[in-house]
Amino acid sequence: MSNPSIINKIIDGVGGRENINNVWHCMTRLRFDLIDDRKVDQQQIKSLAGVLGAQIQNDQFQIIVGPQVNSWFQPLTAQLNLDNSAAPAEKRARKSAISLFMDTVSGVFGPIVPAIAGAGMIKGLLAGLVALKVLSAQSQTVLIIDLIASGVFWFLPFFLAVSAAKMFRTNEYLAAAVAACLMYPTLIDAAKALASHAPGAVSTFWLFEMLPVPIFNYASSVIPVIFSVLALSYIHRGVDRIMPTVLKTVFTPTLTLFIAALVALTVIGPAGIWLGKGLAWLIEGLFGFSASLAGLVVGAIRPLAVLTGMHHAMTPIALQNFTDRGYDMLMPMMFMANMAIAGSTFAIWFLNRQSEDRTVTLSAAISALLGITEPALFGVLTRHKKAFVATIVASACASAFIAFFGVRLYGYILSSIFSLPAYIGPWFIYAVLGVIMALTLSFSLTLLLLRPCR
């Protein structure tokens, strides 16, 4: 994309630069957050050379240009030179908190979908080959393939930091530096020692013997790093505003990094972790009251928990159940949630007529079926809020169904379609029915909710 006149026509077609709050892109589309959607001239934009389509969906104006979207995005943002701090409050007030959150997550994850989709597919296929005993779980082949697939998810905070910095229009390298603080081996090793009750393990570091820095493992985390970069964007602008010009080159990044890293380590990161712990406490209480109610609630919040990174709080509960009771009923609910995510994503693939999107969506749907849901959640469902609602409903219903019949597992296993043999026994038929319910209900509800909008 090298024709600046087309970029100018796009800007005019969406109501001018004063009508644009923000712009980002996914695999094939430019996505605009506009102040007034009524100012958009869709027909003018659709008539432009290279534009494959345009639509208003999920509080966004989307221009479909295909896989070369980045070559449109770069000159567009260069011309706009948006200042995020000046985004009018009018548009923000019109959007719900959930809509803003989903748009933010979608915008941050859109550019990194190829990485997580590719890694998710490899990870899911590997899990299937191990489950079918084609490969031995202890083989070095599995070890090597797993490190290829898992690296993206383990170091996800770095990918998110760079992408979030672009969306929040702040320095990408400072954002990566904040993520590096959360991922530094000193912190991760201390968190592992604490989790294993190693001698001498501590739960808190102290800065100047005054400021507590709680010890947590932020590997694979989502919300802490996104909100840390959001905070960084405001801190950077604030420091730059008050710093004398002669000192800006050295002291603006110095103060920005120090303050933003401390905020991430002492406030934002721990808040995300404690929200997860609160979620775990709630789930334990629900199981004590009613397994069916627990299934309904866990099934409903599981997709949201994965989206926010708080799903890791459920794993210790499942592991403790295996130790205390010899079985667990929570992991089957996670299984139902994954199948519901897969069903909704398959429905979007079925409805989607853009070939580039269909390829990415199909890959994400298959990954979800194989137990890796991040590509589907972050790359597809955050862009289709009604489909996300369908996922939640299907996951809740299927989870409540299997909980009512007492479906359980006797060992930890990936929540994949290949996990079904692990359920063979008295509850096998109910596990199969639960999978069918999750897939068909999410697929049908997504078709029902999205078809009228297309």
Protein backbone atom coordinates (compact mmCIF):
# COMPACT_ATOMS: atom_id res chain seq x y z
CA MET A 1 0.00 0.00 0.00
CA SER A 2 1.87 3.05 -1.20
CA ASN A 3 -0.81 5.48 -2.47
CA PRO A 4 -1.20 8.31 0.10
CA SER A 5 -4.34 9.58 -1.64
CA ILE A 6 -6.20 6.39 -0.65
CA ILE A 7 -5.15 6.88 2.97
CA ASN A 8 -6.48 10.43 2.85
CA LYS A 9 -9.77 9.18 1.38
CA ILE A 10 -10.07 6.60 4.18
CA ILE A 11 -9.55 9.32 6.78
CA ASP A 12 -12.15 11.52 5.07
CA GLY A 13 -14.51 8.54 4.73
CA VAL A 14 -14.55 7.84 8.46
CA GLY A 15 -15.40 11.47 9.24
CA GLY A 16 -11.94 13.04 9.37
CA ARG A 17 -9.12 12.65 11.85
CA GLU A 18 -11.09 14.55 14.51
CA ASN A 19 -13.63 11.69 14.47
CA ILE A 20 -11.00 9.00 15.22
CA ASN A 21 -10.25 7.96 18.80
CA ASN A 22 -8.00 5.05 17.92
CA VAL A 23 -7.10 2.66 15.13
CA TRP A 24 -5.51 -0.78 15.17
CA HIS A 25 -5.55 -3.89 13.01
CA CYS A 26 -5.97 -7.66 13.14
CA MET A 27 -4.99 -10.19 10.46
CA THR A 28 -7.01 -8.67 7.62
CA ARG A 29 -8.84 -5.56 8.87
CA LEU A 30 -8.23 -1.97 9.91
CA ARG A 31 -10.29 -1.37 13.07
CA PHE A 32 -11.42 2.14 14.01
CA ASP A 33 -12.75 3.39 17.34
CA LEU A 34 -14.77 6.40 16.18
CA ILE A 35 -16.48 9.22 18.07
CA ASP A 36 -19.57 9.25 15.84
CA ASP A 37 -20.24 6.22 13.62
CA ARG A 38 -22.89 8.20 11.70
CA LYS A 39 -20.19 10.24 9.96
CA VAL A 40 -18.84 7.16 8.14
CA ASP A 41 -19.34 7.00 4.38
CA GLN A 42 -19.20 3.24 3.83
CA GLN A 43 -19.92 3.36 0.14
CA GLN A 44 -17.06 5.75 -0.53
CA ILE A 45 -14.65 3.54 1.42
CA LYS A 46 -15.87 0.32 -0.24
CA SER A 47 -15.23 1.86 -3.65
CA LEU A 48 -11.53 2.48 -2.92
CA ALA A 49 -8.97 0.33 -4.76
CA GLY A 50 -7.79 -2.55 -2.59
CA VAL A 51 -10.67 -2.35 -0.09
CA LEU A 52 -12.48 -5.71 0.10
CA GLY A 53 -15.31 -4.57 2.34
CA ALA A 54 -16.34 -2.36 5.26
CA GLN A 55 -18.76 -2.71 8.17
CA ILE A 56 -19.68 -1.39 11.60
CA GLN A 57 -19.56 -4.25 14.08
CA ASN A 58 -19.02 -4.57 17.83
CA ASP A 59 -18.71 -0.75 18.26
CA GLN A 60 -15.91 -0.69 15.68
CA PHE A 61 -15.73 0.42 12.07
CA GLN A 62 -13.81 -2.27 10.18
CA ILE A 63 -12.19 -1.95 6.76
CA ILE A 64 -11.27 -5.31 5.22
CA VAL A 65 -8.09 -5.11 3.14
CA GLY A 66 -6.65 -8.64 3.39
CA PRO A 67 -3.36 -10.01 4.73
CA GLN A 68 -1.39 -6.93 3.57
CA VAL A 69 -3.18 -4.91 6.27
CA ASN A 70 0.05 -3.75 7.91
CA SER A 71 1.10 -1.91 4.74
CA TRP A 72 -2.11 0.14 5.09
CA PHE A 73 -1.84 0.54 8.85
CA GLN A 74 1.66 2.06 8.94
CA PRO A 75 1.02 5.04 6.61
CA LEU A 76 -2.42 5.54 8.18
CA THR A 77 -1.05 5.90 11.72
CA ALA A 78 1.81 8.04 10.42
CA GLN A 79 -0.70 10.50 8.98
CA LEU A 80 -3.03 10.47 11.97
CA ASN A 81 -0.36 10.89 14.68
CA LEU A 82 -3.05 10.26 17.27
CA ASP A 83 -2.65 11.40 20.85
CA ASN A 84 -4.33 8.84 23.09
CA SER A 85 -4.50 11.28 25.97
CA ALA A 86 -6.74 13.53 23.91
CA ALA A 87 -9.34 10.89 23.10
CA PRO A 88 -12.72 12.51 23.79
CA ALA A 89 -14.67 11.21 26.76
CA GLU A 90 -17.93 11.24 24.79
CA LYS A 91 -17.18 8.01 22.92
CA ARG A 92 -15.74 6.31 26.01
CA ALA A 93 -18.91 7.12 27.95
CA ARG A 94 -21.06 5.49 25.27
CA LYS A 95 -19.18 2.22 25.56
CA SER A 96 -19.69 -0.21 28.42
CA ALA A 97 -16.72 -1.28 30.52
CA ILE A 98 -17.01 -4.78 29.06
CA SER A 99 -17.02 -3.43 25.51
CA LEU A 100 -13.96 -1.27 26.20
CA PHE A 101 -12.17 -4.23 27.80
CA MET A 102 -12.96 -6.56 24.90
CA ASP A 103 -11.88 -3.95 22.34
CA THR A 104 -8.63 -3.43 24.20
CA VAL A 105 -7.85 -7.14 24.40
CA SER A 106 -8.81 -7.60 20.75
CA GLY A 107 -6.63 -4.69 19.70
CA VAL A 108 -3.63 -5.92 21.67
CA PHE A 109 -3.90 -9.54 20.55
CA GLY A 110 -4.81 -8.90 16.91
CA PRO A 111 -1.24 -8.36 15.61
CA ILE A 112 0.17 -11.37 17.52
CA VAL A 113 -2.52 -13.84 16.46
CA PRO A 114 -0.21 -15.52 13.89
CA ALA A 115 2.25 -16.39 16.65
CA ILE A 116 -0.28 -17.75 19.12
CA ALA A 117 -2.34 -19.48 16.40
CA GLY A 118 0.72 -21.26 15.00
CA ALA A 119 2.02 -22.22 18.42
CA GLY A 120 -1.45 -23.29 19.56
CA MET A 121 -1.88 -25.59 16.57
CA ILE A 122 1.51 -27.24 17.17
CA LYS A 123 0.75 -27.64 20.88
CA GLY A 124 -2.69 -29.11 20.23
CA LEU A 125 -1.45 -31.59 17.60
CA LEU A 126 1.38 -32.63 19.91
CA ALA A 127 -1.10 -33.30 22.71
CA GLY A 128 -3.15 -35.44 20.31
CA LEU A 129 -0.13 -37.48 19.20
CA VAL A 130 0.83 -38.09 22.82
CA ALA A 131 -2.74 -39.05 23.77
CA LEU A 132 -2.88 -41.52 20.88
CA LYS A 133 0.53 -42.89 21.96
CA VAL A 134 2.07 -42.09 18.58
CA LEU A 135 4.78 -40.26 20.54
CA SER A 136 6.03 -40.97 24.03
CA ALA A 137 5.51 -38.11 26.47
CA GLN A 138 9.03 -38.74 27.84
CA SER A 139 10.77 -38.63 24.44
CA GLN A 140 13.17 -35.87 23.47
CA THR A 141 11.14 -35.37 20.30
CA VAL A 142 8.17 -34.29 22.41
CA LEU A 143 10.44 -32.11 24.53
CA ILE A 144 11.75 -30.25 21.47
CA ILE A 145 8.35 -29.81 19.81
CA ASP A 146 6.87 -28.65 23.12
CA LEU A 147 9.49 -25.95 23.58
CA ILE A 148 8.76 -24.71 20.04
CA ALA A 149 5.04 -24.56 20.82
CA SER A 150 5.17 -23.39 24.44
CA GLY A 151 7.73 -20.60 24.08
CA VAL A 152 5.13 -18.13 22.78
CA PHE A 153 2.79 -18.77 25.71
CA TRP A 154 5.53 -18.74 28.38
CA PHE A 155 6.94 -15.43 27.13
CA LEU A 156 3.52 -14.04 26.20
CA PRO A 157 4.03 -10.91 28.38
CA PHE A 158 6.75 -9.69 25.99
CA PHE A 159 4.52 -10.09 22.92
CA LEU A 160 1.66 -8.37 24.74
CA ALA A 161 3.87 -5.53 25.94
CA VAL A 162 5.02 -4.60 22.44
CA SER A 163 1.53 -4.91 20.96
CA ALA A 164 -0.07 -2.97 23.84
CA ALA A 165 2.54 -0.22 23.48
CA LYS A 166 1.52 0.23 19.84
CA MET A 167 -2.14 0.39 20.78
CA PHE A 168 -1.62 2.78 23.70
CA ARG A 169 0.91 4.75 21.66
CA THR A 170 3.85 4.59 24.02
CA ASN A 171 7.46 3.44 23.70
CA GLU A 172 7.61 -0.25 22.73
CA TYR A 173 11.02 -0.83 24.26
CA LEU A 174 10.06 0.66 27.60
CA ALA A 175 6.98 -1.58 27.53
CA ALA A 176 9.17 -4.63 26.86
CA ALA A 177 11.42 -3.53 29.72
CA VAL A 178 8.44 -3.50 32.11
CA ALA A 179 7.49 -7.00 30.92
CA ALA A 180 11.10 -8.07 31.49
CA CYS A 181 10.81 -6.96 35.12
CA LEU A 182 7.78 -9.22 35.57
CA MET A 183 9.59 -12.09 33.84
CA TYR A 184 13.03 -11.70 35.45
CA PRO A 185 14.43 -15.03 36.74
CA THR A 186 14.92 -13.67 40.27
CA LEU A 187 11.17 -13.16 40.62
CA ILE A 188 10.14 -16.36 38.83
CA ASP A 189 12.63 -18.53 40.77
CA ALA A 190 11.47 -17.01 44.06
CA ALA A 191 7.84 -17.73 43.10
CA LYS A 192 8.70 -21.35 42.27
CA ALA A 193 10.56 -21.75 45.57
CA LEU A 194 7.57 -20.34 47.43
CA ALA A 195 5.16 -22.66 45.61
CA SER A 196 7.29 -25.71 46.44
CA HIS A 197 7.76 -24.62 50.09
CA ALA A 198 11.53 -24.68 49.64
CA PRO A 199 13.64 -23.81 52.72
CA GLY A 200 14.28 -20.08 52.93
CA ALA A 201 11.52 -19.18 50.47
CA VAL A 202 10.02 -15.73 50.99
CA SER A 203 6.69 -14.30 49.90
CA THR A 204 7.76 -10.67 49.62
CA PHE A 205 10.79 -8.63 48.61
CA TRP A 206 11.27 -5.24 50.30
CA LEU A 207 12.49 -2.11 48.51
CA PHE A 208 14.46 0.16 50.86
CA GLU A 209 12.99 -2.02 53.64
CA MET A 210 9.78 -0.02 53.23
CA LEU A 211 7.93 -0.92 50.01
CA PRO A 212 6.69 -4.53 49.69
CA VAL A 213 7.01 -6.30 46.33
CA PRO A 214 4.84 -9.48 46.46
CA ILE A 215 6.38 -12.52 44.78
CA PHE A 216 4.34 -14.06 41.98
CA ASN A 217 5.03 -15.94 38.76
CA TYR A 218 3.83 -13.78 35.86
CA ALA A 219 4.81 -16.16 33.06
CA SER A 220 1.90 -16.55 30.58
CA SER A 221 0.00 -13.75 32.34
CA VAL A 222 -2.25 -11.43 30.34
CA ILE A 223 -3.98 -8.72 32.33
CA PRO A 224 -1.01 -7.62 34.51
CA VAL A 225 1.18 -6.73 31.54
CA ILE A 226 -1.57 -5.06 29.47
CA PHE A 227 -2.60 -2.79 32.33
CA SER A 228 1.03 -2.18 33.26
CA VAL A 229 1.70 -0.90 29.74
CA LEU A 230 -1.46 1.22 29.91
CA ALA A 231 -0.11 2.75 33.13
CA LEU A 232 3.28 3.18 31.44
CA SER A 233 1.68 5.22 28.65
CA TYR A 234 0.30 7.76 31.14
CA ILE A 235 3.46 7.77 33.26
CA HIS A 236 5.63 8.37 30.19
CA ARG A 237 3.52 11.32 29.05
CA GLY A 238 3.41 12.78 32.55
CA VAL A 239 7.16 12.54 33.10
CA ASP A 240 7.89 13.89 29.63
CA ARG A 241 5.57 16.83 30.23
CA ILE A 242 7.36 18.04 33.37
CA MET A 243 10.93 17.13 32.41
CA PRO A 244 13.12 20.03 31.16
CA THR A 245 13.98 19.64 27.48
CA VAL A 246 17.71 19.37 28.12
CA LEU A 247 17.18 16.37 30.43
CA LYS A 248 14.52 14.48 28.50
CA THR A 249 16.81 12.15 26.54
CA VAL A 250 18.27 10.54 29.65
CA PHE A 251 15.91 11.15 32.54
CA THR A 252 12.48 10.72 30.92
CA PRO A 253 13.02 6.99 30.13
CA THR A 254 14.87 6.49 33.45
CA LEU A 255 12.06 7.82 35.62
CA THR A 256 9.35 6.31 33.42
CA LEU A 257 10.80 2.80 33.63
CA PHE A 258 11.46 3.01 37.37
CA ILE A 259 7.98 4.27 38.24
CA ALA A 260 6.12 2.01 35.77
CA ALA A 261 8.01 -1.10 36.88
CA LEU A 262 7.28 -0.36 40.55
CA VAL A 263 3.59 0.18 39.79
CA ALA A 264 3.52 -3.13 37.89
CA LEU A 265 5.34 -5.05 40.63
CA THR A 266 3.53 -3.59 43.63
CA VAL A 267 0.00 -2.81 42.41
CA ILE A 268 -1.12 -4.01 38.99
CA GLY A 269 0.57 -7.42 38.88
CA PRO A 270 -0.42 -8.50 42.41
CA ALA A 271 -3.98 -7.20 41.86
CA GLY A 272 -4.36 -9.52 38.87
CA ILE A 273 -3.01 -12.47 40.84
CA TRP A 274 -5.23 -11.79 43.86
CA LEU A 275 -8.28 -11.55 41.65
CA GLY A 276 -7.40 -15.04 40.45
CA LYS A 277 -7.02 -16.26 44.03
CA GLY A 278 -10.40 -14.77 44.90
CA LEU A 279 -11.89 -16.63 41.96
CA ALA A 280 -10.38 -19.88 43.28
CA TRP A 281 -11.83 -19.26 46.74
CA LEU A 282 -15.29 -18.64 45.24
CA ILE A 283 -15.14 -21.88 43.24
CA GLU A 284 -14.17 -23.93 46.29
CA GLY A 285 -17.12 -22.49 48.20
CA LEU A 286 -19.55 -23.27 45.39
CA PHE A 287 -18.47 -26.91 45.23
CA GLY A 288 -19.16 -27.20 48.95
CA PHE A 289 -22.69 -25.90 48.40
CA SER A 290 -23.78 -27.54 45.12
CA ALA A 291 -21.81 -29.27 42.36
CA SER A 292 -24.43 -28.32 39.74
CA LEU A 293 -24.36 -24.66 40.76
CA ALA A 294 -20.56 -24.81 40.72
CA GLY A 295 -20.73 -26.24 37.21
CA LEU A 296 -23.02 -23.45 36.05
CA VAL A 297 -20.79 -20.73 37.52
CA VAL A 298 -17.44 -22.29 36.57
CA GLY A 299 -18.67 -22.94 33.03
CA ALA A 300 -19.80 -19.32 32.72
CA ILE A 301 -16.64 -17.71 34.08
CA ARG A 302 -14.07 -20.10 32.58
CA PRO A 303 -13.87 -18.35 29.15
CA LEU A 304 -13.62 -14.98 30.92
CA ALA A 305 -10.96 -16.37 33.27
CA VAL A 306 -8.83 -17.55 30.33
CA LEU A 307 -9.31 -14.18 28.65
CA THR A 308 -8.00 -12.36 31.73
CA GLY A 309 -5.32 -14.91 32.61
CA MET A 310 -7.01 -15.79 35.91
CA HIS A 311 -7.70 -19.37 34.81
CA HIS A 312 -4.37 -20.43 36.30
CA ALA A 313 -6.01 -20.02 39.71
CA MET A 314 -8.25 -23.02 38.96
CA THR A 315 -5.38 -25.45 38.32
CA PRO A 316 -4.14 -25.62 41.95
CA ILE A 317 -7.69 -26.45 43.06
CA ALA A 318 -7.83 -29.36 40.61
CA LEU A 319 -4.40 -30.63 41.65
CA GLN A 320 -5.33 -30.41 45.34
CA ASN A 321 -8.53 -32.35 44.64
CA PHE A 322 -6.49 -35.17 43.11
CA THR A 323 -4.37 -35.24 46.27
CA ASP A 324 -7.18 -34.98 48.81
CA ARG A 325 -9.98 -36.94 47.12
CA GLY A 326 -8.28 -38.95 44.38
CA TYR A 327 -10.48 -37.31 41.74
CA ASP A 328 -11.50 -33.88 40.46
CA MET A 329 -14.73 -32.44 38.99
CA LEU A 330 -13.32 -29.07 38.02
CA MET A 331 -11.20 -30.15 35.06
CA PRO A 332 -14.16 -31.73 33.22
CA MET A 333 -15.79 -28.28 33.38
CA MET A 334 -12.66 -26.76 31.84
CA PHE A 335 -13.04 -29.38 29.11
CA MET A 336 -16.62 -28.26 28.43
CA ALA A 337 -15.51 -24.63 28.24
CA ASN A 338 -12.86 -25.49 25.66
CA MET A 339 -15.40 -27.36 23.54
CA ALA A 340 -17.82 -24.41 23.75
CA ILE A 341 -15.04 -22.07 22.60
CA ALA A 342 -14.31 -24.44 19.71
CA GLY A 343 -18.00 -24.62 18.74
CA SER A 344 -18.45 -20.85 18.59
CA THR A 345 -15.24 -20.44 16.60
CA PHE A 346 -16.31 -23.10 14.11
CA ALA A 347 -19.58 -21.20 13.69
CA ILE A 348 -17.72 -17.97 12.92
CA TRP A 349 -15.59 -19.87 10.41
CA PHE A 350 -18.80 -21.20 8.83
CA LEU A 351 -20.29 -17.71 8.58
CA ASN A 352 -17.15 -15.89 7.48
CA ARG A 353 -16.92 -15.30 3.74
CA GLN A 354 -13.48 -13.65 3.78
CA SER A 355 -11.02 -16.38 2.82
CA GLU A 356 -8.12 -14.91 4.80
CA ASP A 357 -10.17 -14.74 7.98
CA ARG A 358 -11.56 -18.23 7.36
CA THR A 359 -8.05 -19.70 7.37
CA VAL A 360 -7.09 -18.07 10.66
CA THR A 361 -10.47 -18.87 12.24
CA LEU A 362 -10.36 -22.53 11.23
CA SER A 363 -6.87 -22.89 12.67
CA ALA A 364 -8.04 -21.31 15.94
CA ALA A 365 -11.13 -23.56 16.09
CA ILE A 366 -9.07 -26.72 15.60
CA SER A 367 -6.59 -25.56 18.24
CA ALA A 368 -9.47 -25.05 20.71
CA LEU A 369 -10.77 -28.52 19.92
CA LEU A 370 -7.30 -29.82 20.73
CA GLY A 371 -7.24 -27.95 24.04
CA ILE A 372 -5.45 -24.69 23.18
CA THR A 373 -8.04 -21.91 23.34
CA GLU A 374 -5.96 -18.72 23.29
CA PRO A 375 -5.95 -18.34 19.47
CA ALA A 376 -9.74 -18.69 19.37
CA LEU A 377 -10.41 -16.42 22.35
CA PHE A 378 -7.94 -13.66 21.59
CA GLY A 379 -7.88 -13.86 17.81
CA VAL A 380 -11.56 -14.51 17.07
CA LEU A 381 -14.08 -14.31 19.91
CA THR A 382 -12.95 -10.96 21.32
CA ARG A 383 -13.95 -9.50 17.93
CA HIS A 384 -17.43 -11.08 18.08
CA LYS A 385 -19.00 -10.27 21.44
CA LYS A 386 -22.27 -12.07 20.70
CA ALA A 387 -20.32 -15.23 19.88
CA PHE A 388 -18.49 -14.82 23.18
CA VAL A 389 -21.86 -14.68 24.96
CA ALA A 390 -22.89 -17.86 23.13
CA THR A 391 -19.69 -19.51 24.34
CA ILE A 392 -20.40 -18.57 27.95
CA VAL A 393 -23.99 -19.88 27.80
CA ALA A 394 -22.98 -23.19 26.18
CA SER A 395 -20.06 -23.67 28.57
CA ALA A 396 -22.29 -23.00 31.59
CA CYS A 397 -25.03 -25.39 30.45
CA ALA A 398 -22.67 -28.23 29.54
CA SER A 399 -20.68 -27.82 32.76
CA ALA A 400 -23.83 -27.83 34.90
CA PHE A 401 -25.02 -30.95 33.04
CA ILE A 402 -21.87 -33.00 33.69
CA ALA A 403 -21.64 -31.73 37.28
CA PHE A 404 -25.20 -32.91 37.95
CA PHE A 405 -24.20 -36.45 36.93
CA GLY A 406 -20.91 -36.29 38.84
CA VAL A 407 -18.48 -36.53 35.91
CA ARG A 408 -14.94 -36.63 37.27
CA LEU A 409 -11.31 -37.29 36.40
CA TYR A 410 -8.75 -39.36 38.31
CA GLY A 411 -5.64 -37.72 36.86
CA TYR A 412 -4.50 -34.42 35.36
CA ILE A 413 -4.87 -34.24 31.57
CA LEU A 414 -5.10 -31.54 28.90
CA SER A 415 -8.71 -30.51 28.24
CA SER A 416 -8.69 -31.71 24.63
CA ILE A 417 -11.04 -33.79 22.49
CA PHE A 418 -8.35 -36.46 22.81
CA SER A 419 -9.00 -36.44 26.57
CA LEU A 420 -12.26 -38.39 26.18
CA PRO A 421 -10.65 -41.83 26.74
CA ALA A 422 -9.61 -40.64 30.22
CA TYR A 423 -13.33 -40.48 31.13
CA ILE A 424 -14.06 -44.13 30.31
CA GLY A 425 -15.99 -45.55 33.23
CA PRO A 426 -19.34 -44.92 34.91
CA TRP A 427 -19.49 -41.28 33.76
CA PHE A 428 -18.21 -41.71 30.20
CA ILE A 429 -21.60 -41.37 28.50
CA TYR A 430 -22.30 -38.12 30.37
CA ALA A 431 -18.89 -36.73 29.41
CA VAL A 432 -19.61 -37.51 25.74
CA LEU A 433 -23.07 -35.93 25.98
CA GLY A 434 -21.52 -32.88 27.64
CA VAL A 435 -19.05 -32.46 24.77
CA ILE A 436 -21.86 -32.79 22.21
CA MET A 437 -23.94 -30.26 24.15
CA ALA A 438 -21.09 -27.75 24.42
CA LEU A 439 -20.18 -27.98 20.72
CA THR A 440 -23.69 -27.96 19.27
CA LEU A 441 -25.14 -25.35 21.62
CA SER A 442 -22.27 -22.89 21.14
CA PHE A 443 -22.29 -23.45 17.38
CA SER A 444 -26.07 -23.00 17.10
CA LEU A 445 -26.26 -19.97 19.39
CA THR A 446 -23.42 -18.26 17.53
CA LEU A 447 -25.16 -18.83 14.20
CA LEU A 448 -28.40 -17.49 15.67
CA LEU A 449 -26.82 -14.39 17.21
CA LEU A 450 -24.45 -13.45 14.38
CA ARG A 451 -26.37 -14.34 11.23
CA PRO A 452 -28.82 -11.37 11.42
CA CYS A 453 -25.81 -9.02 11.63
CA ARG A 454 -24.29 -10.22 8.37
